[in-house]
Amino acid sequence: MKLLLDENLSRRLVPFLQHDYPGSSQVALIGLESASDTVVWQYAKTNGFVILTRDADFQELSLVWGQPPQIIWLKTQNPSRAVALALLLKHRAAIEQALIEQGLASVEISGTPGF
């Protein structure tokens, strides 16, 4: 599963995600910095990405347009890169079960990784 990080998540996370989420990228790294949510949505859909975001916009688009792409909504208050990474790694099995095995349109991750 490859992730497309929304603009609200650091591009510096991408190298650390490659082992567990190979092929992942961030919108600025693919030339979509400041692009509309619709453009990002279409790019993710066309290129087989799961969108990772910290806001509700893509969740709402998912309710209207369905899938693909699927959404991971990181519901935390301004997480550091380390916290965001730890949450994604900690919940990887649950994310895969929800999105791949169950075919859900979205999954929400909240809390702290338990440092």
PDB file of N, CA and C in Angstrom:
ATOM      1  N   MET A   1       0.848  -1.164   0.000  1.00  0.00           N
ATOM      2  CA  MET A   1       0.000   0.000   0.000  1.00  0.00           C
ATOM      3  C   MET A   1       0.896   1.230   0.000  1.00  0.00           C
ATOM      4  N   LYS A   2       0.687   2.118  -0.966  1.00  0.00           N
ATOM      5  CA  LYS A   2       1.478   3.351  -1.010  1.00  0.00           C
ATOM      6  C   LYS A   2       0.608   4.528  -0.615  1.00  0.00           C
ATOM      7  N   LEU A   3       1.194   5.397   0.188  1.00  0.00           N
ATOM      8  CA  LEU A   3       0.483   6.538   0.734  1.00  0.00           C
ATOM      9  C   LEU A   3       0.850   7.810  -0.016  1.00  0.00           C
ATOM     10  N   LEU A   4      -0.136   8.678  -0.177  1.00  0.00           N
ATOM     11  CA  LEU A   4       0.100  10.029  -0.679  1.00  0.00           C
ATOM     12  C   LEU A   4      -0.213  10.975   0.463  1.00  0.00           C
ATOM     13  N   LEU A   5       0.825  11.572   1.026  1.00  0.00           N
ATOM     14  CA  LEU A   5       0.657  12.467   2.168  1.00  0.00           C
ATOM     15  C   LEU A   5       0.128  13.806   1.699  1.00  0.00           C
ATOM     16  N   ASP A   6      -0.901  14.253   2.352  1.00  0.00           N
ATOM     17  CA  ASP A   6      -1.491  15.556   2.085  1.00  0.00           C
ATOM     18  C   ASP A   6      -0.486  16.648   2.440  1.00  0.00           C
ATOM     19  N   GLU A   7      -0.751  17.831   1.979  1.00  0.00           N
ATOM     20  CA  GLU A   7       0.154  18.955   2.200  1.00  0.00           C
ATOM     21  C   GLU A   7       0.363  19.262   3.683  1.00  0.00           C
ATOM     22  N   ASN A   8      -0.601  18.863   4.516  1.00  0.00           N
ATOM     23  CA  ASN A   8      -0.494  19.154   5.941  1.00  0.00           C
ATOM     24  C   ASN A   8       0.404  18.170   6.696  1.00  0.00           C
ATOM     25  N   LEU A   9       1.033  17.251   5.986  1.00  0.00           N
ATOM     26  CA  LEU A   9       1.988  16.319   6.584  1.00  0.00           C
ATOM     27  C   LEU A   9       3.350  16.506   5.922  1.00  0.00           C
ATOM     28  N   SER A  10       4.392  16.431   6.705  1.00  0.00           N
ATOM     29  CA  SER A  10       5.740  16.725   6.241  1.00  0.00           C
ATOM     30  C   SER A  10       6.240  15.753   5.176  1.00  0.00           C
ATOM     31  N   ARG A  11       6.862  16.309   4.161  1.00  0.00           N
ATOM     32  CA  ARG A  11       7.499  15.485   3.125  1.00  0.00           C
ATOM     33  C   ARG A  11       8.683  14.714   3.699  1.00  0.00           C
ATOM     34  N   ARG A  12       9.177  15.142   4.839  1.00  0.00           N
ATOM     35  CA  ARG A  12      10.309  14.457   5.467  1.00  0.00           C
ATOM     36  C   ARG A  12       9.932  13.086   6.041  1.00  0.00           C
ATOM     37  N   LEU A  13       8.644  12.791   6.110  1.00  0.00           N
ATOM     38  CA  LEU A  13       8.186  11.472   6.551  1.00  0.00           C
ATOM     39  C   LEU A  13       8.415  10.403   5.479  1.00  0.00           C
ATOM     40  N   VAL A  14       8.407  10.812   4.230  1.00  0.00           N
ATOM     41  CA  VAL A  14       8.398   9.870   3.114  1.00  0.00           C
ATOM     42  C   VAL A  14       9.531   8.841   3.161  1.00  0.00           C
ATOM     43  N   PRO A  15      10.787   9.238   3.364  1.00  0.00           N
ATOM     44  CA  PRO A  15      11.841   8.213   3.389  1.00  0.00           C
ATOM     45  C   PRO A  15      11.653   7.174   4.494  1.00  0.00           C
ATOM     46  N   PHE A  16      11.070   7.585   5.611  1.00  0.00           N
ATOM     47  CA  PHE A  16      10.887   6.676   6.740  1.00  0.00           C
ATOM     48  C   PHE A  16       9.705   5.722   6.543  1.00  0.00           C
ATOM     49  N   LEU A  17       8.842   6.024   5.576  1.00  0.00           N
ATOM     50  CA  LEU A  17       7.680   5.184   5.289  1.00  0.00           C
ATOM     51  C   LEU A  17       7.967   4.104   4.256  1.00  0.00           C
ATOM     52  N   GLN A  18       9.068   4.239   3.531  1.00  0.00           N
ATOM     53  CA  GLN A  18       9.309   3.374   2.377  1.00  0.00           C
ATOM     54  C   GLN A  18       9.379   1.888   2.710  1.00  0.00           C
ATOM     55  N   HIS A  19       9.871   1.528   3.872  1.00  0.00           N
ATOM     56  CA  HIS A  19       9.950   0.106   4.225  1.00  0.00           C
ATOM     57  C   HIS A  19       8.563  -0.500   4.403  1.00  0.00           C
ATOM     58  N   ASP A  20       7.695   0.185   5.120  1.00  0.00           N
ATOM     59  CA  ASP A  20       6.368  -0.355   5.428  1.00  0.00           C
ATOM     60  C   ASP A  20       5.289   0.068   4.441  1.00  0.00           C
ATOM     61  N   TYR A  21       5.504   1.188   3.776  1.00  0.00           N
ATOM     62  CA  TYR A  21       4.553   1.695   2.788  1.00  0.00           C
ATOM     63  C   TYR A  21       5.329   2.075   1.519  1.00  0.00           C
ATOM     64  N   PRO A  22       5.879   1.075   0.803  1.00  0.00           N
ATOM     65  CA  PRO A  22       6.737   1.373  -0.353  1.00  0.00           C
ATOM     66  C   PRO A  22       6.005   2.148  -1.444  1.00  0.00           C
ATOM     67  N   GLY A  23       6.734   3.090  -2.042  1.00  0.00           N
ATOM     68  CA  GLY A  23       6.160   3.893  -3.119  1.00  0.00           C
ATOM     69  C   GLY A  23       5.428   5.121  -2.637  1.00  0.00           C
ATOM     70  N   SER A  24       5.419   5.360  -1.333  1.00  0.00           N
ATOM     71  CA  SER A  24       4.710   6.517  -0.778  1.00  0.00           C
ATOM     72  C   SER A  24       5.382   7.818  -1.197  1.00  0.00           C
ATOM     73  N   SER A  25       4.579   8.888  -1.203  1.00  0.00           N
ATOM     74  CA  SER A  25       5.094  10.210  -1.557  1.00  0.00           C
ATOM     75  C   SER A  25       4.268  11.273  -0.834  1.00  0.00           C
ATOM     76  N   GLN A  26       4.579  12.520  -1.117  1.00  0.00           N
ATOM     77  CA  GLN A  26       3.875  13.655  -0.531  1.00  0.00           C
ATOM     78  C   GLN A  26       3.538  14.603  -1.665  1.00  0.00           C
ATOM     79  N   VAL A  27       2.429  15.322  -1.555  1.00  0.00           N
ATOM     80  CA  VAL A  27       1.940  16.113  -2.687  1.00  0.00           C
ATOM     81  C   VAL A  27       2.971  17.090  -3.243  1.00  0.00           C
ATOM     82  N   ALA A  28       3.757  17.730  -2.398  1.00  0.00           N
ATOM     83  CA  ALA A  28       4.759  18.681  -2.891  1.00  0.00           C
ATOM     84  C   ALA A  28       5.853  17.969  -3.681  1.00  0.00           C
ATOM     85  N   LEU A  29       6.151  16.733  -3.322  1.00  0.00           N
ATOM     86  CA  LEU A  29       7.206  15.986  -4.003  1.00  0.00           C
ATOM     87  C   LEU A  29       6.818  15.561  -5.414  1.00  0.00           C
ATOM     88  N   ILE A  30       5.522  15.550  -5.695  1.00  0.00           N
ATOM     89  CA  ILE A  30       5.061  15.168  -7.034  1.00  0.00           C
ATOM     90  C   ILE A  30       4.505  16.359  -7.805  1.00  0.00           C
ATOM     91  N   GLY A  31       4.792  17.571  -7.301  1.00  0.00           N
ATOM     92  CA  GLY A  31       4.392  18.772  -8.025  1.00  0.00           C
ATOM     93  C   GLY A  31       2.971  19.232  -7.800  1.00  0.00           C
ATOM     94  N   LEU A  32       2.351  18.773  -6.725  1.00  0.00           N
ATOM     95  CA  LEU A  32       0.968  19.165  -6.453  1.00  0.00           C
ATOM     96  C   LEU A  32       0.836  20.082  -5.240  1.00  0.00           C
ATOM     97  N   GLU A  33       1.923  20.774  -4.895  1.00  0.00           N
ATOM     98  CA  GLU A  33       1.874  21.713  -3.788  1.00  0.00           C
ATOM     99  C   GLU A  33       0.824  22.777  -4.085  1.00  0.00           C
ATOM    100  N   SER A  34      -0.039  23.058  -3.148  1.00  0.00           N
ATOM    101  CA  SER A  34      -1.133  24.028  -3.258  1.00  0.00           C
ATOM    102  C   SER A  34      -2.215  23.608  -4.247  1.00  0.00           C
ATOM    103  N   ALA A  35      -2.206  22.367  -4.688  1.00  0.00           N
ATOM    104  CA  ALA A  35      -3.264  21.883  -5.586  1.00  0.00           C
ATOM    105  C   ALA A  35      -4.561  21.721  -4.802  1.00  0.00           C
ATOM    106  N   SER A  36      -5.664  21.802  -5.509  1.00  0.00           N
ATOM    107  CA  SER A  36      -6.963  21.626  -4.863  1.00  0.00           C
ATOM    108  C   SER A  36      -7.117  20.173  -4.415  1.00  0.00           C
ATOM    109  N   ASP A  37      -8.023  19.964  -3.465  1.00  0.00           N
ATOM    110  CA  ASP A  37      -8.287  18.610  -2.992  1.00  0.00           C
ATOM    111  C   ASP A  37      -8.763  17.722  -4.139  1.00  0.00           C
ATOM    112  N   THR A  38      -9.513  18.281  -5.060  1.00  0.00           N
ATOM    113  CA  THR A  38     -10.012  17.523  -6.205  1.00  0.00           C
ATOM    114  C   THR A  38      -8.867  17.017  -7.077  1.00  0.00           C
ATOM    115  N   VAL A  39      -7.875  17.861  -7.312  1.00  0.00           N
ATOM    116  CA  VAL A  39      -6.715  17.466  -8.120  1.00  0.00           C
ATOM    117  C   VAL A  39      -5.920  16.377  -7.405  1.00  0.00           C
ATOM    118  N   VAL A  40      -5.712  16.535  -6.113  1.00  0.00           N
ATOM    119  CA  VAL A  40      -4.988  15.529  -5.332  1.00  0.00           C
ATOM    120  C   VAL A  40      -5.764  14.217  -5.345  1.00  0.00           C
ATOM    121  N   TRP A  41      -7.075  14.296  -5.172  1.00  0.00           N
ATOM    122  CA  TRP A  41      -7.944  13.118  -5.194  1.00  0.00           C
ATOM    123  C   TRP A  41      -7.782  12.362  -6.515  1.00  0.00           C
ATOM    124  N   GLN A  42      -7.859  13.083  -7.615  1.00  0.00           N
ATOM    125  CA  GLN A  42      -7.765  12.447  -8.928  1.00  0.00           C
ATOM    126  C   GLN A  42      -6.389  11.818  -9.145  1.00  0.00           C
ATOM    127  N   TYR A  43      -5.346  12.508  -8.702  1.00  0.00           N
ATOM    128  CA  TYR A  43      -3.990  11.961  -8.828  1.00  0.00           C
ATOM    129  C   TYR A  43      -3.876  10.653  -8.040  1.00  0.00           C
ATOM    130  N   ALA A  44      -4.365  10.661  -6.811  1.00  0.00           N
ATOM    131  CA  ALA A  44      -4.306   9.456  -5.976  1.00  0.00           C
ATOM    132  C   ALA A  44      -5.099   8.321  -6.628  1.00  0.00           C
ATOM    133  N   LYS A  45      -6.255   8.643  -7.148  1.00  0.00           N
ATOM    134  CA  LYS A  45      -7.100   7.633  -7.790  1.00  0.00           C
ATOM    135  C   LYS A  45      -6.408   7.043  -9.019  1.00  0.00           C
ATOM    136  N   THR A  46      -5.863   7.885  -9.863  1.00  0.00           N
ATOM    137  CA  THR A  46      -5.214   7.451 -11.093  1.00  0.00           C
ATOM    138  C   THR A  46      -3.956   6.638 -10.836  1.00  0.00           C
ATOM    139  N   ASN A  47      -3.241   6.967  -9.754  1.00  0.00           N
ATOM    140  CA  ASN A  47      -1.941   6.364  -9.500  1.00  0.00           C
ATOM    141  C   ASN A  47      -1.911   5.345  -8.354  1.00  0.00           C
ATOM    142  N   GLY A  48      -3.074   4.955  -7.857  1.00  0.00           N
ATOM    143  CA  GLY A  48      -3.159   3.886  -6.867  1.00  0.00           C
ATOM    144  C   GLY A  48      -2.664   4.218  -5.475  1.00  0.00           C
ATOM    145  N   PHE A  49      -2.805   5.477  -5.066  1.00  0.00           N
ATOM    146  CA  PHE A  49      -2.398   5.894  -3.728  1.00  0.00           C
ATOM    147  C   PHE A  49      -3.563   5.842  -2.750  1.00  0.00           C
ATOM    148  N   VAL A  50      -3.238   5.655  -1.477  1.00  0.00           N
ATOM    149  CA  VAL A  50      -4.148   5.889  -0.358  1.00  0.00           C
ATOM    150  C   VAL A  50      -3.769   7.263   0.178  1.00  0.00           C
ATOM    151  N   ILE A  51      -4.740   8.149   0.335  1.00  0.00           N
ATOM    152  CA  ILE A  51      -4.449   9.506   0.821  1.00  0.00           C
ATOM    153  C   ILE A  51      -4.343   9.496   2.339  1.00  0.00           C
ATOM    154  N   LEU A  52      -3.253  10.066   2.847  1.00  0.00           N
ATOM    155  CA  LEU A  52      -3.046  10.259   4.278  1.00  0.00           C
ATOM    156  C   LEU A  52      -3.195  11.742   4.576  1.00  0.00           C
ATOM    157  N   THR A  53      -4.098  12.071   5.477  1.00  0.00           N
ATOM    158  CA  THR A  53      -4.398  13.475   5.751  1.00  0.00           C
ATOM    159  C   THR A  53      -4.644  13.706   7.232  1.00  0.00           C
ATOM    160  N   ARG A  54      -4.598  14.971   7.639  1.00  0.00           N
ATOM    161  CA  ARG A  54      -4.910  15.350   9.014  1.00  0.00           C
ATOM    162  C   ARG A  54      -6.209  16.136   9.105  1.00  0.00           C
ATOM    163  N   ASP A  55      -6.883  16.350   7.986  1.00  0.00           N
ATOM    164  CA  ASP A  55      -8.141  17.101   8.060  1.00  0.00           C
ATOM    165  C   ASP A  55      -9.291  16.294   7.469  1.00  0.00           C
ATOM    166  N   ALA A  56     -10.487  16.799   7.665  1.00  0.00           N
ATOM    167  CA  ALA A  56     -11.694  16.066   7.283  1.00  0.00           C
ATOM    168  C   ALA A  56     -12.054  16.200   5.810  1.00  0.00           C
ATOM    169  N   ASP A  57     -11.386  17.054   5.061  1.00  0.00           N
ATOM    170  CA  ASP A  57     -11.788  17.315   3.679  1.00  0.00           C
ATOM    171  C   ASP A  57     -11.847  16.051   2.824  1.00  0.00           C
ATOM    172  N   PHE A  58     -10.807  15.247   2.872  1.00  0.00           N
ATOM    173  CA  PHE A  58     -10.792  14.041   2.044  1.00  0.00           C
ATOM    174  C   PHE A  58     -11.773  12.995   2.551  1.00  0.00           C
ATOM    175  N   GLN A  59     -11.988  12.963   3.850  1.00  0.00           N
ATOM    176  CA  GLN A  59     -13.007  12.076   4.418  1.00  0.00           C
ATOM    177  C   GLN A  59     -14.372  12.438   3.838  1.00  0.00           C
ATOM    178  N   GLU A  60     -14.658  13.725   3.766  1.00  0.00           N
ATOM    179  CA  GLU A  60     -15.938  14.186   3.221  1.00  0.00           C
ATOM    180  C   GLU A  60     -16.052  13.874   1.731  1.00  0.00           C
ATOM    181  N   LEU A  61     -14.971  14.051   0.984  1.00  0.00           N
ATOM    182  CA  LEU A  61     -14.982  13.692  -0.438  1.00  0.00           C
ATOM    183  C   LEU A  61     -15.239  12.198  -0.613  1.00  0.00           C
ATOM    184  N   SER A  62     -14.683  11.399   0.274  1.00  0.00           N
ATOM    185  CA  SER A  62     -14.882   9.959   0.220  1.00  0.00           C
ATOM    186  C   SER A  62     -16.355   9.595   0.371  1.00  0.00           C
ATOM    187  N   LEU A  63     -17.052  10.326   1.226  1.00  0.00           N
ATOM    188  CA  LEU A  63     -18.479  10.064   1.428  1.00  0.00           C
ATOM    189  C   LEU A  63     -19.294  10.408   0.186  1.00  0.00           C
ATOM    190  N   VAL A  64     -18.852  11.424  -0.543  1.00  0.00           N
ATOM    191  CA  VAL A  64     -19.573  11.866  -1.740  1.00  0.00           C
ATOM    192  C   VAL A  64     -19.195  11.036  -2.967  1.00  0.00           C
ATOM    193  N   TRP A  65     -17.903  10.827  -3.191  1.00  0.00           N
ATOM    194  CA  TRP A  65     -17.423  10.195  -4.423  1.00  0.00           C
ATOM    195  C   TRP A  65     -17.104   8.715  -4.299  1.00  0.00           C
ATOM    196  N   GLY A  66     -17.063   8.201  -3.083  1.00  0.00           N
ATOM    197  CA  GLY A  66     -16.701   6.797  -2.901  1.00  0.00           C
ATOM    198  C   GLY A  66     -15.216   6.562  -3.116  1.00  0.00           C
ATOM    199  N   GLN A  67     -14.875   5.330  -3.408  1.00  0.00           N
ATOM    200  CA  GLN A  67     -13.471   4.986  -3.592  1.00  0.00           C
ATOM    201  C   GLN A  67     -13.254   4.322  -4.934  1.00  0.00           C
ATOM    202  N   PRO A  68     -12.046   4.262  -5.444  1.00  0.00           N
ATOM    203  CA  PRO A  68     -10.818   4.782  -4.891  1.00  0.00           C
ATOM    204  C   PRO A  68     -10.736   6.292  -5.018  1.00  0.00           C
ATOM    205  N   PRO A  69      -9.811   6.927  -4.358  1.00  0.00           N
ATOM    206  CA  PRO A  69      -8.825   6.365  -3.431  1.00  0.00           C
ATOM    207  C   PRO A  69      -9.428   6.181  -2.044  1.00  0.00           C
ATOM    208  N   GLN A  70      -8.734   5.406  -1.251  1.00  0.00           N
ATOM    209  CA  GLN A  70      -9.103   5.251   0.145  1.00  0.00           C
ATOM    210  C   GLN A  70      -8.365   6.311   0.958  1.00  0.00           C
ATOM    211  N   ILE A  71      -8.839   6.511   2.187  1.00  0.00           N
ATOM    212  CA  ILE A  71      -8.336   7.599   3.029  1.00  0.00           C
ATOM    213  C   ILE A  71      -7.879   7.065   4.381  1.00  0.00           C
ATOM    214  N   ILE A  72      -6.749   7.576   4.850  1.00  0.00           N
ATOM    215  CA  ILE A  72      -6.334   7.401   6.248  1.00  0.00           C
ATOM    216  C   ILE A  72      -6.370   8.787   6.857  1.00  0.00           C
ATOM    217  N   TRP A  73      -7.215   8.950   7.865  1.00  0.00           N
ATOM    218  CA  TRP A  73      -7.383  10.241   8.524  1.00  0.00           C
ATOM    219  C   TRP A  73      -6.640  10.178   9.845  1.00  0.00           C
ATOM    220  N   LEU A  74      -5.548  10.911   9.936  1.00  0.00           N
ATOM    221  CA  LEU A  74      -4.722  10.977  11.132  1.00  0.00           C
ATOM    222  C   LEU A  74      -5.297  12.055  12.038  1.00  0.00           C
ATOM    223  N   LYS A  75      -6.053  11.630  13.036  1.00  0.00           N
ATOM    224  CA  LYS A  75      -6.769  12.562  13.909  1.00  0.00           C
ATOM    225  C   LYS A  75      -5.983  12.822  15.190  1.00  0.00           C
ATOM    226  N   THR A  76      -4.958  13.633  15.064  1.00  0.00           N
ATOM    227  CA  THR A  76      -4.145  14.014  16.211  1.00  0.00           C
ATOM    228  C   THR A  76      -3.917  15.516  16.163  1.00  0.00           C
ATOM    229  N   GLN A  77      -3.621  16.090  17.289  1.00  0.00           N
ATOM    230  CA  GLN A  77      -3.351  17.523  17.369  1.00  0.00           C
ATOM    231  C   GLN A  77      -1.898  17.789  17.007  1.00  0.00           C
ATOM    232  N   ASN A  78      -1.654  18.347  15.841  1.00  0.00           N
ATOM    233  CA  ASN A  78      -0.319  18.761  15.401  1.00  0.00           C
ATOM    234  C   ASN A  78       0.786  17.763  15.773  1.00  0.00           C
ATOM    235  N   PRO A  79       0.716  16.561  15.226  1.00  0.00           N
ATOM    236  CA  PRO A  79       1.732  15.582  15.602  1.00  0.00           C
ATOM    237  C   PRO A  79       3.094  15.914  14.996  1.00  0.00           C
ATOM    238  N   SER A  80       4.128  15.614  15.732  1.00  0.00           N
ATOM    239  CA  SER A  80       5.470  15.748  15.177  1.00  0.00           C
ATOM    240  C   SER A  80       5.634  14.655  14.125  1.00  0.00           C
ATOM    241  N   ARG A  81       6.700  14.763  13.346  1.00  0.00           N
ATOM    242  CA  ARG A  81       6.967  13.719  12.347  1.00  0.00           C
ATOM    243  C   ARG A  81       7.135  12.368  13.035  1.00  0.00           C
ATOM    244  N   ALA A  82       7.813  12.374  14.178  1.00  0.00           N
ATOM    245  CA  ALA A  82       8.054  11.123  14.898  1.00  0.00           C
ATOM    246  C   ALA A  82       6.747  10.493  15.373  1.00  0.00           C
ATOM    247  N   VAL A  83       5.830  11.301  15.872  1.00  0.00           N
ATOM    248  CA  VAL A  83       4.541  10.787  16.343  1.00  0.00           C
ATOM    249  C   VAL A  83       3.722  10.256  15.170  1.00  0.00           C
ATOM    250  N   ALA A  84       3.661  11.002  14.078  1.00  0.00           N
ATOM    251  CA  ALA A  84       2.910  10.557  12.903  1.00  0.00           C
ATOM    252  C   ALA A  84       3.463   9.232  12.384  1.00  0.00           C
ATOM    253  N   LEU A  85       4.774   9.137  12.287  1.00  0.00           N
ATOM    254  CA  LEU A  85       5.409   7.915  11.811  1.00  0.00           C
ATOM    255  C   LEU A  85       5.112   6.749  12.753  1.00  0.00           C
ATOM    256  N   ALA A  86       5.261   6.973  14.029  1.00  0.00           N
ATOM    257  CA  ALA A  86       5.014   5.910  15.005  1.00  0.00           C
ATOM    258  C   ALA A  86       3.572   5.420  14.949  1.00  0.00           C
ATOM    259  N   LEU A  87       2.623   6.324  14.782  1.00  0.00           N
ATOM    260  CA  LEU A  87       1.220   5.922  14.679  1.00  0.00           C
ATOM    261  C   LEU A  87       0.968   5.081  13.433  1.00  0.00           C
ATOM    262  N   LEU A  88       1.554   5.488  12.313  1.00  0.00           N
ATOM    263  CA  LEU A  88       1.367   4.728  11.079  1.00  0.00           C
ATOM    264  C   LEU A  88       1.992   3.339  11.166  1.00  0.00           C
ATOM    265  N   LEU A  89       3.119   3.242  11.806  1.00  0.00           N
ATOM    266  CA  LEU A  89       3.767   1.940  11.948  1.00  0.00           C
ATOM    267  C   LEU A  89       3.046   1.064  12.970  1.00  0.00           C
ATOM    268  N   LYS A  90       2.632   1.666  14.069  1.00  0.00           N
ATOM    269  CA  LYS A  90       1.933   0.926  15.122  1.00  0.00           C
ATOM    270  C   LYS A  90       0.610   0.344  14.619  1.00  0.00           C
ATOM    271  N   HIS A  91      -0.096   1.111  13.786  1.00  0.00           N
ATOM    272  CA  HIS A  91      -1.429   0.705  13.332  1.00  0.00           C
ATOM    273  C   HIS A  91      -1.434   0.099  11.928  1.00  0.00           C
ATOM    274  N   ARG A  92      -0.271  -0.240  11.426  1.00  0.00           N
ATOM    275  CA  ARG A  92      -0.179  -0.743  10.049  1.00  0.00           C
ATOM    276  C   ARG A  92      -1.085  -1.952   9.811  1.00  0.00           C
ATOM    277  N   ALA A  93      -1.062  -2.922  10.685  1.00  0.00           N
ATOM    278  CA  ALA A  93      -1.889  -4.123  10.507  1.00  0.00           C
ATOM    279  C   ALA A  93      -3.374  -3.778  10.497  1.00  0.00           C
ATOM    280  N   ALA A  94      -3.799  -2.890  11.384  1.00  0.00           N
ATOM    281  CA  ALA A  94      -5.208  -2.490  11.433  1.00  0.00           C
ATOM    282  C   ALA A  94      -5.598  -1.705  10.183  1.00  0.00           C
ATOM    283  N   ILE A  95      -4.686  -0.868   9.695  1.00  0.00           N
ATOM    284  CA  ILE A  95      -4.943  -0.106   8.470  1.00  0.00           C
ATOM    285  C   ILE A  95      -5.123  -1.065   7.295  1.00  0.00           C
ATOM    286  N   GLU A  96      -4.217  -2.019   7.166  1.00  0.00           N
ATOM    287  CA  GLU A  96      -4.301  -2.985   6.073  1.00  0.00           C
ATOM    288  C   GLU A  96      -5.568  -3.820   6.163  1.00  0.00           C
ATOM    289  N   GLN A  97      -5.925  -4.221   7.377  1.00  0.00           N
ATOM    290  CA  GLN A  97      -7.144  -5.007   7.537  1.00  0.00           C
ATOM    291  C   GLN A  97      -8.364  -4.203   7.106  1.00  0.00           C
ATOM    292  N   ALA A  98      -8.443  -2.947   7.537  1.00  0.00           N
ATOM    293  CA  ALA A  98      -9.603  -2.114   7.218  1.00  0.00           C
ATOM    294  C   ALA A  98      -9.678  -1.785   5.728  1.00  0.00           C
ATOM    295  N   LEU A  99      -8.560  -1.378   5.143  1.00  0.00           N
ATOM    296  CA  LEU A  99      -8.584  -0.916   3.762  1.00  0.00           C
ATOM    297  C   LEU A  99      -8.487  -2.047   2.741  1.00  0.00           C
ATOM    298  N   ILE A 100      -7.634  -3.014   2.992  1.00  0.00           N
ATOM    299  CA  ILE A 100      -7.428  -4.077   2.012  1.00  0.00           C
ATOM    300  C   ILE A 100      -8.394  -5.235   2.222  1.00  0.00           C
ATOM    301  N   GLU A 101      -8.415  -5.784   3.423  1.00  0.00           N
ATOM    302  CA  GLU A 101      -9.232  -6.964   3.671  1.00  0.00           C
ATOM    303  C   GLU A 101     -10.723  -6.647   3.728  1.00  0.00           C
ATOM    304  N   GLN A 102     -11.083  -5.552   4.414  1.00  0.00           N
ATOM    305  CA  GLN A 102     -12.494  -5.195   4.539  1.00  0.00           C
ATOM    306  C   GLN A 102     -12.962  -4.268   3.423  1.00  0.00           C
ATOM    307  N   GLY A 103     -12.036  -3.650   2.714  1.00  0.00           N
ATOM    308  CA  GLY A 103     -12.397  -2.769   1.611  1.00  0.00           C
ATOM    309  C   GLY A 103     -13.077  -1.478   2.025  1.00  0.00           C
ATOM    310  N   LEU A 104     -12.821  -1.022   3.250  1.00  0.00           N
ATOM    311  CA  LEU A 104     -13.439   0.214   3.712  1.00  0.00           C
ATOM    312  C   LEU A 104     -12.892   1.409   2.937  1.00  0.00           C
ATOM    313  N   ALA A 105     -13.677   2.462   2.854  1.00  0.00           N
ATOM    314  CA  ALA A 105     -13.270   3.669   2.134  1.00  0.00           C
ATOM    315  C   ALA A 105     -12.260   4.480   2.929  1.00  0.00           C
ATOM    316  N   SER A 106     -12.337   4.379   4.256  1.00  0.00           N
ATOM    317  CA  SER A 106     -11.436   5.183   5.075  1.00  0.00           C
ATOM    318  C   SER A 106     -11.222   4.534   6.436  1.00  0.00           C
ATOM    319  N   VAL A 107     -10.149   4.989   7.075  1.00  0.00           N
ATOM    320  CA  VAL A 107      -9.838   4.549   8.424  1.00  0.00           C
ATOM    321  C   VAL A 107      -9.334   5.767   9.182  1.00  0.00           C
ATOM    322  N   GLU A 108      -9.693   5.849  10.448  1.00  0.00           N
ATOM    323  CA  GLU A 108      -9.248   6.949  11.305  1.00  0.00           C
ATOM    324  C   GLU A 108      -8.246   6.426  12.318  1.00  0.00           C
ATOM    325  N   ILE A 109      -7.164   7.179  12.498  1.00  0.00           N
ATOM    326  CA  ILE A 109      -6.148   6.835  13.496  1.00  0.00           C
ATOM    327  C   ILE A 109      -6.056   8.017  14.452  1.00  0.00           C
ATOM    328  N   SER A 110      -6.141   7.733  15.733  1.00  0.00           N
ATOM    329  CA  SER A 110      -6.005   8.804  16.719  1.00  0.00           C
ATOM    330  C   SER A 110      -5.193   8.292  17.888  1.00  0.00           C
ATOM    331  N   GLY A 111      -4.879   9.207  18.762  1.00  0.00           N
ATOM    332  CA  GLY A 111      -4.147   8.822  19.966  1.00  0.00           C
ATOM    333  C   GLY A 111      -2.673   9.109  19.859  1.00  0.00           C
ATOM    334  N   THR A 112      -1.936   8.484  20.752  1.00  0.00           N
ATOM    335  CA  THR A 112      -0.492   8.603  20.763  1.00  0.00           C
ATOM    336  C   THR A 112       0.104   7.229  20.548  1.00  0.00           C
ATOM    337  N   PRO A 113       1.300   7.157  20.022  1.00  0.00           N
ATOM    338  CA  PRO A 113       1.892   5.861  19.737  1.00  0.00           C
ATOM    339  C   PRO A 113       2.396   5.113  20.964  1.00  0.00           C
ATOM    340  N   GLY A 114       2.354   5.740  22.128  1.00  0.00           N
ATOM    341  CA  GLY A 114       2.783   5.055  23.339  1.00  0.00           C
ATOM    342  C   GLY A 114       4.273   5.162  23.609  1.00  0.00           C
ATOM    343  N   PHE A 115       4.830   6.338  23.390  1.00  0.00           N
ATOM    344  CA  PHE A 115       6.251   6.541  23.662  1.00  0.00           C
ATOM    345  C   PHE A 115       6.496   6.421  25.152  1.00  0.00           C
TER     346      PHE A 115
END
